[in-house]
C-alpha atoms as a PDB file:
ATOM      1  CA  MET A   1      -8.991  19.822  21.735  1.00  0.00           C
ATOM      2  CA  ILE A   2      -6.631  16.901  21.208  1.00  0.00           C
ATOM      3  CA  ILE A   3      -8.111  13.528  20.407  1.00  0.00           C
ATOM      4  CA  THR A   4      -6.602  10.694  22.415  1.00  0.00           C
ATOM      5  CA  GLY A   5      -6.651   6.940  22.125  1.00  0.00           C
ATOM      6  CA  ALA A   6      -6.262   4.229  24.729  1.00  0.00           C
ATOM      7  CA  GLU A   7      -4.656   5.300  27.991  1.00  0.00           C
ATOM      8  CA  GLY A   8      -4.333   8.900  26.822  1.00  0.00           C
ATOM      9  CA  SER A   9      -2.008   8.104  23.926  1.00  0.00           C
ATOM     10  CA  LEU A  10      -2.422   9.354  20.381  1.00  0.00           C
ATOM     11  CA  PRO A  11      -5.177   7.507  18.521  1.00  0.00           C
ATOM     12  CA  ARG A  12      -4.225   4.766  16.077  1.00  0.00           C
ATOM     13  CA  ALA A  13      -5.016   5.015  12.388  1.00  0.00           C
ATOM     14  CA  TRP A  14      -4.491   2.671   9.463  1.00  0.00           C
ATOM     15  CA  VAL A  15      -5.442   2.082   5.859  1.00  0.00           C
ATOM     16  CA  LYS A  16      -7.761  -0.786   4.992  1.00  0.00           C
ATOM     17  CA  LEU A  17      -8.006  -1.724   1.345  1.00  0.00           C
ATOM     18  CA  TYR A  18     -10.849  -3.848   0.030  1.00  0.00           C
ATOM     19  CA  VAL A  19      -9.572  -6.319  -2.556  1.00  0.00           C
ATOM     20  CA  ASP A  20     -11.097  -8.789  -5.005  1.00  0.00           C
ATOM     21  CA  ASP A  21      -8.814 -11.709  -4.158  1.00  0.00           C
ATOM     22  CA  LEU A  22      -7.165 -11.680  -0.737  1.00  0.00           C
ATOM     23  CA  ALA A  23      -4.859 -14.655  -1.398  1.00  0.00           C
ATOM     24  CA  GLU A  24      -3.620 -13.162  -4.686  1.00  0.00           C
ATOM     25  CA  THR A  25      -3.076  -9.785  -3.001  1.00  0.00           C
ATOM     26  CA  LEU A  26      -1.052 -11.270  -0.147  1.00  0.00           C
ATOM     27  CA  ALA A  27       1.008 -13.335  -2.619  1.00  0.00           C
ATOM     28  CA  PHE A  28       1.774 -10.223  -4.696  1.00  0.00           C
ATOM     29  CA  TYR A  29       2.961  -8.150  -1.722  1.00  0.00           C
ATOM     30  CA  ARG A  30       5.016 -11.097  -0.429  1.00  0.00           C
ATOM     31  CA  GLN A  31       6.660 -11.803  -3.822  1.00  0.00           C
ATOM     32  CA  ALA A  32       7.142  -8.180  -4.875  1.00  0.00           C
ATOM     33  CA  PHE A  33       8.253  -6.607  -1.590  1.00  0.00           C
ATOM     34  CA  GLY A  34       8.845  -9.409   0.911  1.00  0.00           C
ATOM     35  CA  PHE A  35       5.909  -8.284   3.073  1.00  0.00           C
ATOM     36  CA  VAL A  36       4.478 -11.075   5.214  1.00  0.00           C
ATOM     37  CA  SER A  37       1.033 -11.070   6.751  1.00  0.00           C
ATOM     38  CA  GLU A  38       1.259 -10.839  10.514  1.00  0.00           C
ATOM     39  CA  HIS A  39      -2.416 -11.419  11.120  1.00  0.00           C
ATOM     40  CA  ASP A  40      -4.697 -13.402   8.871  1.00  0.00           C
ATOM     41  CA  ASP A  41      -8.087 -14.444  10.176  1.00  0.00           C
ATOM     42  CA  GLY A  42      -8.026 -17.355   7.748  1.00  0.00           C
ATOM     43  CA  GLY A  43     -10.644 -15.877   5.511  1.00  0.00           C
ATOM     44  CA  SER A  44     -11.677 -12.344   4.803  1.00  0.00           C
ATOM     45  CA  SER A  45      -8.860 -10.112   6.101  1.00  0.00           C
ATOM     46  CA  ALA A  46      -5.153  -9.851   6.778  1.00  0.00           C
ATOM     47  CA  ARG A  47      -2.673  -7.322   8.131  1.00  0.00           C
ATOM     48  CA  VAL A  48       0.727  -6.887   6.535  1.00  0.00           C
ATOM     49  CA  VAL A  49       3.369  -5.191   8.677  1.00  0.00           C
ATOM     50  CA  VAL A  50       5.601  -2.727   6.849  1.00  0.00           C
ATOM     51  CA  GLY A  51       8.233  -1.398   9.236  1.00  0.00           C
ATOM     52  CA  LYS A  52       6.318   0.400  12.003  1.00  0.00           C
ATOM     53  CA  ASP A  53       3.213   0.663   9.828  1.00  0.00           C
ATOM     54  CA  ALA A  54       0.702  -1.835   8.512  1.00  0.00           C
ATOM     55  CA  LEU A  55      -1.553  -2.353   5.540  1.00  0.00           C
ATOM     56  CA  HIS A  56      -4.886  -4.035   6.141  1.00  0.00           C
ATOM     57  CA  PHE A  57      -6.470  -6.011   3.314  1.00  0.00           C
ATOM     58  CA  THR A  58     -10.048  -7.256   3.425  1.00  0.00           C
ATOM     59  CA  ASP A  59     -12.025  -9.227   0.872  1.00  0.00           C
ATOM     60  CA  VAL A  60     -14.432  -6.877  -0.878  1.00  0.00           C
ATOM     61  CA  SER A  61     -17.371  -9.151  -0.049  1.00  0.00           C
ATOM     62  CA  ALA A  62     -16.947  -8.130   3.617  1.00  0.00           C
ATOM     63  CA  ILE A  63     -17.965  -4.559   2.786  1.00  0.00           C
ATOM     64  CA  GLU A  64     -21.592  -5.670   3.086  1.00  0.00           C
ATOM     65  CA  GLU A  65     -20.989  -6.288   6.809  1.00  0.00           C
ATOM     66  CA  LEU A  66     -20.395  -2.560   7.307  1.00  0.00           C
ATOM     67  CA  ASP A  67     -24.058  -1.874   6.501  1.00  0.00           C
ATOM     68  CA  LEU A  68     -23.318   1.397   4.698  1.00  0.00           C
ATOM     69  CA  PRO A  69     -26.345   2.491   2.671  1.00  0.00           C
ATOM     70  CA  ASP A  70     -24.460   3.984  -0.309  1.00  0.00           C
ATOM     71  CA  VAL A  71     -21.711   1.368  -0.652  1.00  0.00           C
ATOM     72  CA  GLU A  72     -22.314  -1.911  -2.391  1.00  0.00           C
ATOM     73  CA  ALA A  73     -20.103  -4.925  -3.039  1.00  0.00           C
ATOM     74  CA  PRO A  74     -18.580  -5.905  -5.275  1.00  0.00           C
ATOM     75  CA  LEU A  75     -16.774  -2.710  -6.096  1.00  0.00           C
ATOM     76  CA  THR A  76     -15.991  -2.891  -9.792  1.00  0.00           C
ATOM     77  CA  SER A  77     -13.592   0.032  -9.981  1.00  0.00           C
ATOM     78  CA  ILE A  78     -11.939   2.725  -7.926  1.00  0.00           C
ATOM     79  CA  PRO A  79     -14.300   5.723  -7.917  1.00  0.00           C
ATOM     80  CA  GLN A  80     -12.804   8.678  -9.767  1.00  0.00           C
ATOM     81  CA  GLY A  81     -11.307  11.225  -7.401  1.00  0.00           C
ATOM     82  CA  SER A  82     -10.670   8.686  -4.663  1.00  0.00           C
ATOM     83  CA  GLU A  83      -7.282   7.356  -5.793  1.00  0.00           C
ATOM     84  CA  VAL A  84      -5.245   5.740  -3.054  1.00  0.00           C
ATOM     85  CA  VAL A  85      -1.458   5.832  -3.376  1.00  0.00           C
ATOM     86  CA  LEU A  86       0.623   3.407  -1.335  1.00  0.00           C
ATOM     87  CA  ALA A  87       4.087   4.935  -0.965  1.00  0.00           C
ATOM     88  CA  ILE A  88       6.865   2.481  -0.180  1.00  0.00           C
ATOM     89  CA  GLU A  89      10.263   3.912   0.688  1.00  0.00           C
ATOM     90  CA  ILE A  90      13.097   1.667  -0.528  1.00  0.00           C
ATOM     91  CA  THR A  91      16.734   1.971  -1.571  1.00  0.00           C
ATOM     92  CA  ASP A  92      16.860  -0.004  -4.846  1.00  0.00           C
ATOM     93  CA  ILE A  93      14.097   1.350  -7.076  1.00  0.00           C
ATOM     94  CA  GLU A  94      15.102  -0.521 -10.243  1.00  0.00           C
ATOM     95  CA  GLN A  95      15.372  -3.965  -8.646  1.00  0.00           C
ATOM     96  CA  THR A  96      12.140  -3.592  -6.663  1.00  0.00           C
ATOM     97  CA  TYR A  97      10.225  -2.179  -9.652  1.00  0.00           C
ATOM     98  CA  GLY A  98      11.407  -5.105 -11.785  1.00  0.00           C
ATOM     99  CA  LEU A  99      10.472  -7.672  -9.156  1.00  0.00           C
ATOM    100  CA  ALA A 100       7.090  -6.043  -8.540  1.00  0.00           C
ATOM    101  CA  THR A 101       6.182  -5.998 -12.245  1.00  0.00           C
ATOM    102  CA  GLN A 102       7.361  -9.617 -12.637  1.00  0.00           C
ATOM    103  CA  SER A 103       5.158 -10.526  -9.650  1.00  0.00           C
ATOM    104  CA  GLY A 104       2.011  -9.190 -11.312  1.00  0.00           C
ATOM    105  CA  GLY A 105       2.238  -5.438 -10.788  1.00  0.00           C
ATOM    106  CA  LEU A 106       1.198  -3.310 -13.760  1.00  0.00           C
ATOM    107  CA  PRO A 107       3.820  -0.745 -14.854  1.00  0.00           C
ATOM    108  CA  VAL A 108       2.655   2.889 -14.768  1.00  0.00           C
ATOM    109  CA  ARG A 109       5.912   4.874 -14.871  1.00  0.00           C
ATOM    110  CA  SER A 110       9.387   3.386 -14.823  1.00  0.00           C
ATOM    111  CA  PRO A 111      12.065   4.536 -12.368  1.00  0.00           C
ATOM    112  CA  HIS A 112      13.036   8.170 -12.838  1.00  0.00           C
ATOM    113  CA  ASP A 113      14.533  11.085 -10.949  1.00  0.00           C
ATOM    114  CA  GLU A 114      12.328  13.927  -9.773  1.00  0.00           C
ATOM    115  CA  ALA A 115      13.454  17.556  -9.695  1.00  0.00           C
ATOM    116  CA  ASN A 116      14.011  17.372  -5.922  1.00  0.00           C
ATOM    117  CA  GLY A 117      16.515  14.518  -6.320  1.00  0.00           C
ATOM    118  CA  ALA A 118      14.177  11.717  -5.242  1.00  0.00           C
ATOM    119  CA  ARG A 119      14.083   8.577  -7.385  1.00  0.00           C
ATOM    120  CA  VAL A 120      10.583   7.176  -7.912  1.00  0.00           C
ATOM    121  CA  ALA A 121       8.571   4.663  -9.932  1.00  0.00           C
ATOM    122  CA  PHE A 122       4.856   3.891 -10.150  1.00  0.00           C
ATOM    123  CA  LEU A 123       2.934   0.664 -10.690  1.00  0.00           C
ATOM    124  CA  ARG A 124      -0.466  -0.798  -9.854  1.00  0.00           C
ATOM    125  CA  ASP A 125      -1.048  -3.845  -7.702  1.00  0.00           C
ATOM    126  CA  PRO A 126      -3.360  -6.631  -8.975  1.00  0.00           C
ATOM    127  CA  ASN A 127      -6.361  -4.746  -7.519  1.00  0.00           C
ATOM    128  CA  GLY A 128      -5.533  -1.517  -9.349  1.00  0.00           C
ATOM    129  CA  PHE A 129      -4.167   0.393  -6.338  1.00  0.00           C
ATOM    130  CA  LEU A 130      -1.376   2.788  -7.269  1.00  0.00           C
ATOM    131  CA  ILE A 131       2.013   2.118  -5.654  1.00  0.00           C
ATOM    132  CA  ARG A 132       4.744   4.764  -5.485  1.00  0.00           C
ATOM    133  CA  LEU A 133       8.187   3.319  -4.937  1.00  0.00           C
ATOM    134  CA  CYS A 134      10.482   6.048  -3.695  1.00  0.00           C
ATOM    135  CA  ARG A 135      14.019   6.685  -2.599  1.00  0.00           C
ATOM    136  CA  PRO A 136      14.010  10.119  -0.986  1.00  0.00           C
ATOM    137  CA  ALA A 137      16.345  12.843  -2.106  1.00  0.00           C
ATOM    138  CA  PRO A 138      19.590  12.949  -0.166  1.00  0.00           C
ATOM    139  CA  SER A 139      19.454  15.262   2.803  1.00  0.00           C
ATOM    140  CA  PRO A 140      21.477  18.458   2.327  1.00  0.00           C
ATOM    141  CA  LEU A 141      23.069  17.656   5.684  1.00  0.00           C
ATOM    142  CA  SER A 142      24.381  14.314   4.385  1.00  0.00           C
ATOM    143  CA  HIS A 143      26.706  16.242   2.047  1.00  0.00           C
ATOM    144  CA  ALA A 144      28.054  18.568   4.715  1.00  0.00           C
ATOM    145  CA  PRO A 145      31.822  18.375   5.331  1.00  0.00           C
END
């Protein structure tokens, strides 16, 4: 069985992150990466378009509206074992890592090369979410004569 969305297309999916301070979060992603919110309801949530994808941010106080019996707001920490990693593919790891840490990101691991040839760095956003900046390894075909 294949699940379909509207008009028989593939279903849509996205990531929604609950944050302590929506304005601070949007400012960080704008300053660090140049991401601009495309949709902001003027209060509790916003959508930031990243290429063909989007990140959705919602104020953590809105979690109460979901009426989930085992989830309470405010969330005071990320539950162990439920780490979310936002991977952002970019070309200039060093410049972006520097700008992101100057914009309020917390350094986790500075830019380095992985065994597969990819260049990566890790930091946390002001809410504690882990961000993986990555420049993929060159394709073997890109070196073909």
